[in-house]
Protein backbone atom coordinates (compact mmCIF):
# COMPACT_ATOMS: atom_id res chain seq x y z
CA MET A 1 176.42 148.89 122.02
CA ALA A 2 174.37 146.57 123.77
CA LEU A 3 175.08 143.25 121.97
CA GLU A 4 179.10 144.00 122.08
CA ALA A 5 178.30 144.44 126.19
CA ALA A 6 176.37 141.12 126.64
CA PHE A 7 179.18 140.01 124.36
CA ASP A 8 182.08 140.73 126.44
CA LYS A 9 180.40 140.20 129.28
CA ASN A 10 179.35 136.77 128.77
CA VAL A 11 182.70 135.98 127.06
CA ASP A 12 184.30 136.67 130.27
CA THR A 13 182.87 134.45 132.39
CA PHE A 14 184.31 131.19 131.02
CA GLU A 15 187.42 132.60 129.72
CA THR A 16 189.71 130.82 132.34
CA THR A 17 187.88 128.00 132.13
CA ILE A 18 188.38 127.77 127.85
CA ARG A 19 192.03 128.82 128.09
CA THR A 20 192.74 126.01 130.82
CA SER A 21 190.58 123.35 128.79
CA ARG A 22 192.25 124.36 125.38
CA ALA A 23 195.64 124.28 126.34
CA GLU A 24 196.75 121.36 123.82
CA ASP A 25 194.16 122.32 121.10
CA ASP A 26 196.85 124.04 118.30
CA VAL A 27 193.67 125.47 116.75
CA PHE A 28 191.80 126.77 119.04
CA TYR A 29 189.59 130.16 118.05
CA ASP A 30 190.04 132.39 121.05
CA PRO A 31 186.50 133.80 121.59
CA THR A 32 188.05 137.00 123.03
CA SER A 33 189.13 137.84 119.48
CA LEU A 34 186.56 136.74 117.57
CA ALA A 35 184.67 140.42 117.40
CA SER A 36 187.39 142.02 115.98
CA ASP A 37 188.97 138.87 113.92
CA ALA A 38 185.93 137.82 112.08
CA LEU A 39 185.15 141.55 111.15
CA ASP A 40 187.22 140.54 107.34
CA ILE A 41 185.32 136.88 107.25
CA VAL A 42 181.83 138.49 107.73
CA ASN A 43 182.05 141.74 105.45
CA ALA A 44 183.72 140.01 102.71
CA GLN A 45 180.13 139.09 101.69
CA ASP A 46 176.71 140.47 102.35
CA GLY A 47 174.30 137.93 103.91
CA THR A 48 177.50 136.30 106.33
CA VAL A 49 177.37 135.43 109.49
CA LEU A 50 180.24 133.35 111.52
CA ILE A 51 178.55 131.26 114.34
CA TYR A 52 180.62 130.34 117.29
CA PRO A 53 179.69 127.20 119.42
CA VAL A 54 181.45 127.38 122.45
CA VAL A 55 181.09 123.62 124.07
CA LEU A 56 181.42 123.85 127.94
CA GLU A 57 181.03 121.32 130.38
CA ASP A 58 178.00 121.82 131.51
CA THR A 59 176.60 124.34 128.95
CA LEU A 60 176.78 125.60 125.28
CA TRP A 61 177.69 129.32 124.33
CA LEU A 62 176.76 130.25 120.59
CA LEU A 63 178.89 133.10 120.05
CA TRP A 64 177.95 134.91 116.59
CA THR A 65 179.50 138.14 114.35
CA ALA A 66 177.83 139.31 111.21
CA THR A 67 178.14 141.68 108.66
CA GLY A 68 178.71 145.15 109.99
CA GLY A 69 180.44 144.03 112.86
CA VAL A 70 177.60 143.20 115.47
CA VAL A 71 177.93 140.79 117.48
CA GLY A 72 175.95 138.40 120.07
CA SER A 73 175.79 135.40 122.26
CA VAL A 74 172.91 132.53 123.27
CA GLU A 75 173.24 130.29 126.19
CA VAL A 76 171.95 126.80 125.60
CA PRO A 77 171.99 125.28 128.99
CA ASP A 78 170.32 122.18 127.85
CA ALA A 79 173.52 121.38 126.04
CA ASN A 80 176.31 120.10 127.74
CA ARG A 81 179.21 118.66 126.10
CA ALA A 82 178.32 114.94 127.15
CA ASP A 83 174.88 115.21 125.41
CA LEU A 84 176.69 117.03 122.41
CA SER A 85 178.94 114.49 122.12
CA ARG A 86 176.47 111.65 122.13
CA ALA A 87 174.54 113.29 119.67
CA VAL A 88 177.29 113.52 117.55
CA VAL A 89 178.54 109.86 117.60
CA ARG A 90 175.14 108.66 117.22
CA PHE A 91 174.84 111.34 114.30
CA ARG A 92 177.74 110.01 112.49
CA GLU A 93 176.73 106.34 113.47
CA LEU A 94 173.22 107.32 110.97
CA LEU A 95 175.12 108.93 108.33
CA THR A 96 176.58 105.35 107.49
CA GLN A 97 172.95 103.31 108.03
CA GLN A 98 171.18 103.56 104.52
CA ASP A 99 168.23 102.05 105.37
CA SER A 100 165.02 104.20 105.41
CA GLN A 101 164.23 103.36 109.62
CA SER A 102 167.68 105.05 110.11
CA LEU A 103 167.16 107.99 107.55
CA ALA A 104 164.15 108.56 109.69
CA GLU A 105 166.36 108.82 113.21
CA LEU A 106 168.90 110.49 111.42
CA LYS A 107 166.81 113.48 110.34
CA GLU A 108 165.54 113.50 114.15
CA VAL A 109 169.13 113.41 116.19
CA GLY A 110 169.99 116.44 113.04
CA GLN A 111 166.98 117.95 114.16
CA GLN A 112 167.91 118.06 117.85
CA LEU A 113 171.33 119.35 117.27
CA TYR A 114 169.78 122.02 114.76
CA GLY A 115 167.82 122.81 117.74
CA TRP A 116 170.94 123.16 120.13
CA LEU A 117 173.12 125.06 117.06
CA ILE A 118 171.09 126.90 114.94
CA GLU A 119 167.64 127.56 116.10
CA PRO A 120 168.70 130.01 118.96
CA LEU A 121 169.56 132.15 116.56
CA SER A 122 167.14 131.65 114.21
CA THR A 123 165.44 135.43 114.26
CA GLU A 124 168.75 136.78 114.11
CA LEU A 125 169.14 135.06 110.97
CA GLU A 126 165.71 135.80 109.44
CA ALA A 127 166.15 139.36 110.55
CA ASN A 128 169.28 140.06 109.02
CA ASN A 129 168.70 138.40 105.61
CA ILE A 130 171.14 136.03 106.13
CA GLN A 131 172.24 133.63 103.67
CA HIS A 132 175.61 131.97 104.04
CA LEU A 133 176.77 130.28 107.47
CA VAL A 134 180.85 130.23 107.88
CA PHE A 135 181.20 127.96 110.94
CA ALA A 136 184.11 127.88 113.85
CA GLN A 137 183.53 124.59 115.24
CA ASP A 138 184.73 123.53 118.56
CA ARG A 139 185.25 119.85 119.90
CA ALA A 140 182.85 117.65 118.86
CA THR A 141 181.20 119.76 116.55
CA ARG A 142 184.29 119.62 114.38
CA TYR A 143 183.13 116.15 113.78
CA LEU A 144 179.77 117.40 112.09
CA PRO A 145 178.89 117.85 108.85
CA MET A 146 176.52 121.28 109.26
CA ALA A 147 174.81 120.91 105.61
CA ALA A 148 172.76 117.86 107.21
CA LEU A 149 171.34 119.23 110.17
CA HIS A 150 167.83 118.98 109.85
CA ASP A 151 164.89 121.16 111.24
CA GLY A 152 162.09 119.22 110.70
CA GLU A 153 161.42 120.31 107.09
CA GLN A 154 165.13 120.13 105.59
CA TYR A 155 168.34 120.29 105.44
CA LEU A 156 170.66 123.02 106.38
CA LEU A 157 172.07 122.55 103.22
CA GLU A 158 168.52 123.57 101.32
CA LYS A 159 168.75 127.00 103.06
CA TYR A 160 172.92 128.76 103.18
CA THR A 161 175.92 128.32 101.69
CA VAL A 162 177.84 126.58 104.63
CA SER A 163 181.47 126.75 105.40
CA THR A 164 184.01 126.68 108.32
CA VAL A 165 186.88 128.16 108.98
CA LEU A 166 189.96 126.95 111.81
CA SER A 167 190.84 130.64 112.64
CA ALA A 168 190.91 134.21 111.05
CA ALA A 169 194.32 134.22 111.25
CA LEU A 170 194.49 131.66 108.61
CA THR A 171 191.76 132.88 106.58
CA ASP A 172 192.39 135.27 103.63
CA THR A 173 189.41 136.53 102.07
CA THR A 174 191.00 138.70 100.15
CA ASP A 175 192.34 136.34 97.41
CA ARG A 176 190.12 134.62 94.28
CA LEU A 177 190.78 131.66 92.20
CA GLY A 178 190.34 133.49 89.07
CA ASP A 179 189.11 132.53 85.65
CA VAL A 180 189.72 128.72 84.36
CA ALA A 181 192.22 129.69 82.08
CA SER A 182 194.53 131.04 84.91
CA ALA A 183 193.85 128.47 87.58
CA ASN A 184 195.69 125.53 86.93
CA THR A 185 195.29 121.97 88.72
CA LEU A 186 197.92 119.46 89.93
CA GLY A 187 196.07 116.15 89.94
CA LEU A 188 197.77 113.57 92.36
CA GLY A 189 195.84 110.44 92.95
CA LEU A 190 195.73 106.60 93.33
CA ASP A 191 193.36 104.16 92.38
CA ILE A 192 195.09 100.67 92.55
CA ALA A 193 195.45 98.58 95.51
CA LYS A 194 199.05 99.77 97.59
CA GLY A 195 200.35 99.29 100.66
CA GLY A 196 197.28 97.45 102.31
CA PHE A 197 195.03 100.03 101.36
CA SER A 198 192.48 99.66 98.91
CA ALA A 199 192.16 100.40 95.02
CA LEU A 200 189.70 103.80 94.36
CA PRO A 201 188.97 102.34 90.71
CA ASN A 202 187.05 106.19 90.65
CA VAL A 203 190.21 108.21 91.25
CA ARG A 204 191.67 108.40 87.54
CA GLU A 205 188.15 109.57 86.27
CA GLU A 206 187.74 111.94 88.71
CA LEU A 207 190.99 113.57 88.24
CA GLN A 208 190.88 113.46 84.27
CA SER A 209 187.22 114.43 84.40
CA VAL A 210 187.89 118.27 85.99
CA ILE A 211 191.76 118.51 84.75
CA ARG A 212 192.61 118.96 81.56
CA GLU A 213 195.88 118.50 80.36
CA ASP A 214 196.06 119.44 76.75
CA GLU A 215 194.28 121.08 73.92
CA ASN A 216 193.08 117.89 72.47
CA ASP A 217 191.24 116.56 75.54
CA THR A 218 187.49 116.34 75.13
CA THR A 219 186.81 116.11 78.94
CA GLY A 220 188.23 118.15 81.86
CA ILE A 221 187.89 121.88 82.60
CA TYR A 222 191.01 123.22 84.35
CA PRO A 223 194.17 123.10 83.08
CA GLY A 224 196.71 121.34 84.66
CA ARG A 225 198.43 117.81 84.99
CA VAL A 226 197.78 114.61 86.53
CA PHE A 227 199.89 112.10 88.36
CA MET A 228 198.72 108.51 88.82
CA ASN A 229 199.85 106.03 91.40
CA GLU A 230 203.62 105.30 90.68
CA SER A 231 204.41 108.87 89.71
CA PHE A 232 202.27 110.35 92.66
CA THR A 233 205.04 110.52 94.91
CA PHE A 234 206.27 113.46 97.83
CA ASN A 235 209.10 114.67 95.14
CA THR A 236 206.11 114.74 92.82
CA LEU A 237 204.30 116.69 95.18
CA SER A 238 207.76 119.17 96.07
CA GLU A 239 208.64 120.03 92.44
CA GLN A 240 204.88 120.97 90.99
CA VAL A 241 202.82 122.40 93.54
CA ARG A 242 204.75 125.80 93.28
CA ARG A 243 202.84 125.91 89.93
CA TYR A 244 199.50 125.65 90.42
CA ARG A 245 196.55 127.16 91.83
CA ILE A 246 194.70 123.86 92.34
CA LEU A 247 196.26 120.88 94.35
CA HIS A 248 193.52 118.28 94.33
CA ILE A 249 195.01 114.74 95.93
CA ALA A 250 192.60 112.05 95.38
CA THR A 251 193.81 109.20 97.88
CA HIS A 252 193.61 107.63 100.98
CA ALA A 253 193.80 110.05 103.72
CA GLU A 254 193.22 109.40 107.55
CA PHE A 255 192.44 111.76 109.80
CA VAL A 256 194.33 110.44 113.29
CA PRO A 257 192.33 111.44 116.76
CA THR A 258 194.30 111.82 120.12
CA ILE A 259 198.12 111.04 118.89
CA LYS A 260 199.71 114.55 117.59
CA ASP A 261 200.84 114.91 113.60
CA ALA A 262 199.95 110.86 113.40
CA SER A 263 197.41 112.20 110.33
CA TYR A 264 198.55 111.03 106.93
CA LEU A 265 198.16 110.90 102.97
CA VAL A 266 198.93 107.58 100.89
CA ASP A 267 201.03 108.02 97.84
CA GLY A 268 201.13 106.47 95.02
CA ASN A 269 203.27 103.65 96.02
CA GLY A 270 201.31 103.26 99.45
CA GLN A 271 203.48 104.58 101.57
CA GLN A 272 202.68 107.34 104.29
CA LEU A 273 202.71 111.29 103.31
CA THR A 274 203.41 112.52 106.78
CA ILE A 275 201.85 115.84 108.26
CA ASP A 276 205.28 116.68 109.10
CA GLN A 277 206.23 116.14 105.65
CA ILE A 278 203.39 117.98 104.45
CA GLY A 279 204.27 120.92 106.59
CA SER A 280 207.94 121.22 105.78
CA LEU A 281 206.73 122.40 102.09
CA ASP A 282 205.55 125.38 103.85
CA THR A 283 205.92 128.16 101.17
CA GLN A 284 205.85 125.80 98.62
CA PHE A 285 202.19 126.38 98.86
CA ASN A 286 202.36 130.41 98.39
CA ASN A 287 200.66 129.88 95.18
CA LEU A 288 197.85 127.98 95.88
CA HIS A 289 194.45 129.00 96.45
CA LEU A 290 192.55 125.44 96.71
CA VAL A 291 193.34 121.86 98.24
CA ILE A 292 191.09 119.23 97.27
CA LEU A 293 191.78 116.04 99.67
CA SER A 294 188.67 113.90 98.21
CA ALA A 295 188.91 110.86 99.96
CA CYS A 296 189.62 111.55 103.99
CA GLN A 297 188.86 109.19 106.72
CA THR A 298 187.88 110.55 109.85
CA ALA A 299 188.21 108.37 112.81
CA LEU A 300 185.16 108.63 115.53
CA GLY A 301 186.05 106.22 118.00
CA GLY A 302 184.15 107.81 120.86
CA GLU A 303 182.36 110.70 122.74
CA SER A 304 185.74 112.48 124.12
CA LEU A 305 187.05 113.24 121.29
CA ASP A 306 187.26 116.72 120.31
CA GLY A 307 188.50 116.88 116.38
CA THR A 308 191.32 118.77 116.17
CA GLU A 309 192.91 116.56 114.13
CA ILE A 310 190.55 117.57 111.40
CA ALA A 311 191.64 121.47 112.07
CA GLY A 312 195.50 120.03 111.82
CA VAL A 313 195.64 118.70 109.02
CA SER A 314 194.11 121.44 107.21
CA SER A 315 196.22 123.86 108.78
CA TYR A 316 199.12 122.80 107.44
CA PHE A 317 197.87 124.08 104.11
CA LEU A 318 196.63 127.43 104.82
CA GLY A 319 197.58 130.30 106.46
CA LYS A 320 199.88 133.17 105.27
CA ASN A 321 201.71 131.80 101.90
CA LYS A 322 199.60 128.87 101.89
CA ALA A 323 196.68 128.00 100.40
CA GLU A 324 193.75 130.06 101.55
CA ALA A 325 190.65 127.52 101.37
CA VAL A 326 190.80 123.34 102.11
CA LEU A 327 188.14 120.96 100.69
CA ALA A 328 188.00 118.12 103.05
CA THR A 329 185.71 114.92 103.54
CA LEU A 330 184.77 113.98 107.14
CA TRP A 331 184.43 110.22 105.66
CA ARG A 332 185.52 108.66 102.87
CA VAL A 333 182.36 108.32 100.54
CA ASP A 334 181.75 105.75 97.72
CA ASP A 335 184.21 106.24 94.93
CA ALA A 336 181.74 106.61 92.18
CA GLY A 337 179.66 109.14 94.49
CA THR A 338 182.68 111.77 95.27
CA SER A 339 183.66 111.42 91.61
CA LEU A 340 180.19 112.81 90.38
CA LEU A 341 180.56 115.61 93.31
CA MET A 342 183.67 116.90 92.48
CA GLN A 343 182.81 116.89 88.83
CA ARG A 344 179.79 119.13 89.50
CA PHE A 345 181.55 121.16 91.99
CA TYR A 346 184.37 122.16 89.67
CA GLU A 347 181.66 122.71 86.71
CA PHE A 348 179.67 125.06 89.00
CA MET A 349 182.52 126.72 89.92
CA ALA A 350 183.94 127.19 86.47
CA THR A 351 180.89 129.42 85.52
CA GLY A 352 183.16 132.05 87.92
CA LYS A 353 179.60 133.49 89.40
CA LEU A 354 179.65 131.31 92.14
CA THR A 355 181.87 131.40 95.15
CA LYS A 356 183.66 128.07 96.15
CA ALA A 357 180.82 127.69 98.93
CA GLU A 358 177.91 128.00 96.50
CA ALA A 359 179.91 125.96 93.97
CA LEU A 360 179.78 123.06 96.53
CA ARG A 361 176.25 123.98 97.88
CA GLN A 362 174.86 123.51 94.23
CA ALA A 363 177.10 119.97 93.86
CA GLN A 364 175.58 119.19 96.89
CA LEU A 365 172.05 119.83 96.29
CA SER A 366 172.74 118.44 92.86
CA LEU A 367 173.26 114.87 94.51
CA LEU A 368 170.48 115.58 97.13
CA ASN A 369 167.94 116.15 94.37
CA GLY A 370 169.26 113.11 92.58
CA GLU A 371 169.20 115.04 89.12
CA ALA A 372 170.91 113.30 86.25
CA THR A 373 172.23 116.18 85.02
CA LEU A 374 172.54 120.09 85.73
CA ASP A 375 170.85 121.49 82.82
CA GLN A 376 167.96 122.61 84.84
CA ARG A 377 170.30 123.52 87.72
CA PHE A 378 172.25 125.79 85.64
CA ASP A 379 169.00 127.29 84.16
CA LYS A 380 166.92 128.10 87.47
CA LEU A 381 170.80 129.83 88.50
CA GLY A 382 170.70 131.62 85.47
CA ILE A 383 174.29 131.04 84.37
CA GLU A 384 175.92 129.49 81.62
CA ARG A 385 178.20 126.75 81.47
CA GLY A 386 182.21 127.72 82.50
CA GLY A 387 183.86 124.63 80.92
CA LEU A 388 183.55 120.96 79.23
CA VAL A 389 183.04 118.28 81.43
CA LEU A 390 181.85 114.99 80.76
CA GLU A 391 178.79 114.82 82.43
CA ASN A 392 178.30 112.22 84.75
CA ALA A 393 181.95 110.43 83.78
CA SER A 394 181.62 108.20 86.71
CA ASN A 395 178.36 105.92 85.78
CA SER A 396 177.34 106.63 88.99
CA SER A 397 173.08 107.18 89.26
CA PRO A 398 172.43 110.24 90.55
CA ALA A 399 169.22 108.58 91.77
CA THR A 400 170.96 106.21 94.26
CA LEU A 401 173.27 109.63 95.83
CA GLU A 402 170.49 111.35 97.67
CA HIS A 403 171.18 110.31 101.05
CA PRO A 404 173.21 112.72 103.14
CA TYR A 405 176.44 110.15 103.03
CA TYR A 406 176.70 110.65 99.90
CA TRP A 407 176.95 114.74 100.04
CA ALA A 408 176.99 115.98 103.71
CA PRO A 409 180.76 114.63 104.25
CA PHE A 410 182.59 117.38 102.03
CA ILE A 411 183.64 120.49 104.14
CA LEU A 412 184.96 123.72 102.86
CA ILE A 413 187.44 125.24 105.10
CA GLY A 414 188.95 129.11 105.41
CA ASN A 415 188.05 131.10 102.23
CA SER A 416 184.74 130.34 100.90
CA LEU A 417 184.58 133.33 98.29
C-alpha cells in the first residue's frame, strides 16, 4: 500500500504538465491509468514488469508495475529531457558505425542510458526474479532499441526478453498465434528498384524461406502465399489479408516525424501506401495476430523529436478487431542480415515452446554470438525444431552480423506472448 500511495502522489505532481505537453501525442500512455490498465499485461506471464519512463523537461521518472499489481516510481533527477535526447541521438548515430572505436563508445553511451532507464530499478528486478521487460516508451526513448542498452558487461538482450506496448487499450494478451498449421501467412514484398527506391535483393529469399506455398516446398515453415513486386498492391492487401494470421511486409517503409500521417509503406509498383489507406482497412485486420514490417526506416533528425510517428504507424495495425502484435525495425538493416534474422525468428516461433518475445530474443542472440547454425541453441533450450527451414538462405555469414546494428533495430510491439 505504501508503494501505491507513493506512486499516486508522484504521478499527481506532474499530471498537469504531462497532459499539457502531450496534447498532440495520439498514442501517449496516460500514467494515471498505468497501475490498473497494466495488470493484464504483467499478469499474463510470471516474472514480467512494465516500465514507463516519463520524460519531463527537468527530470526523468520511471514508473513500473509488476506481476500481482505491485507498482512503484523512481525519480532520476540527473536525466532531463535535453540530456536524454542528446544521448539517444548519439546512441543511434553510433549504431550505424561499425568500427571497434565506435563500438566502444556505443557501449559507453548505452551504459549511460542503462544507468538512467534500468539501473534505478535493478534491485527490484533482481529481488522479484524479473525475466521479461515490457516498455511503454515516451518521447525520445521511442527511438531506442532497448535490447542494445549495456550495463558495462553485457547487453540488456542477454539478461531479459524485451518488448514494447503503446497502451494497455491496444494490447490484447489473451490471443495466441497458434500452431504452424493454423498460422497461415501472407507475404508481400518488393525486391527490385522501383519509384526511386533501391532494390532489396534478399526479400524474395526472406519470404520464401519462411512461407511454404505448397506441400512440395522444401523450404519455408508457415503455410501461406507470397505476392512479389507488381502483384503486391493495395488491392492485394485489401482482398487477401482477412484470410491470414500473419502479415509479413518486406518493403521500404518510412516513419516520417513531425508531419502527422505522412509515414508510408512502398508497394510492389513503387507507389506509396499511405497510413490513411492502411487505416481504411480497419476490421479487415480482424483475423491477424502478427504484423511484420521488416524494412522500416525511422528518420532521427534532431533532439526535439518525440517518436510519435513510430507509435502512430504501429497503432494502425494494432487494437480491438485488429492485430495483436507488430514486429518492426527502427532502421533499415543490411538486407541479408534482416533475411537471416527473420528466418531464425520464425523457426524459433514455430516450435510452439517460445513466446514471440523469446523467439525474437533467441534469433537476436544467435546473430550477436555469430552462430553459423541454430543446432547448439536448440540443444541449449531443450526444444525441437518446429518446421522446415532453409538454414541461412540469405548466404550471409552470422560472424559478420554480431554488431548491434544488425540485430538491435527489431522491436516487438503489443502482445509479446
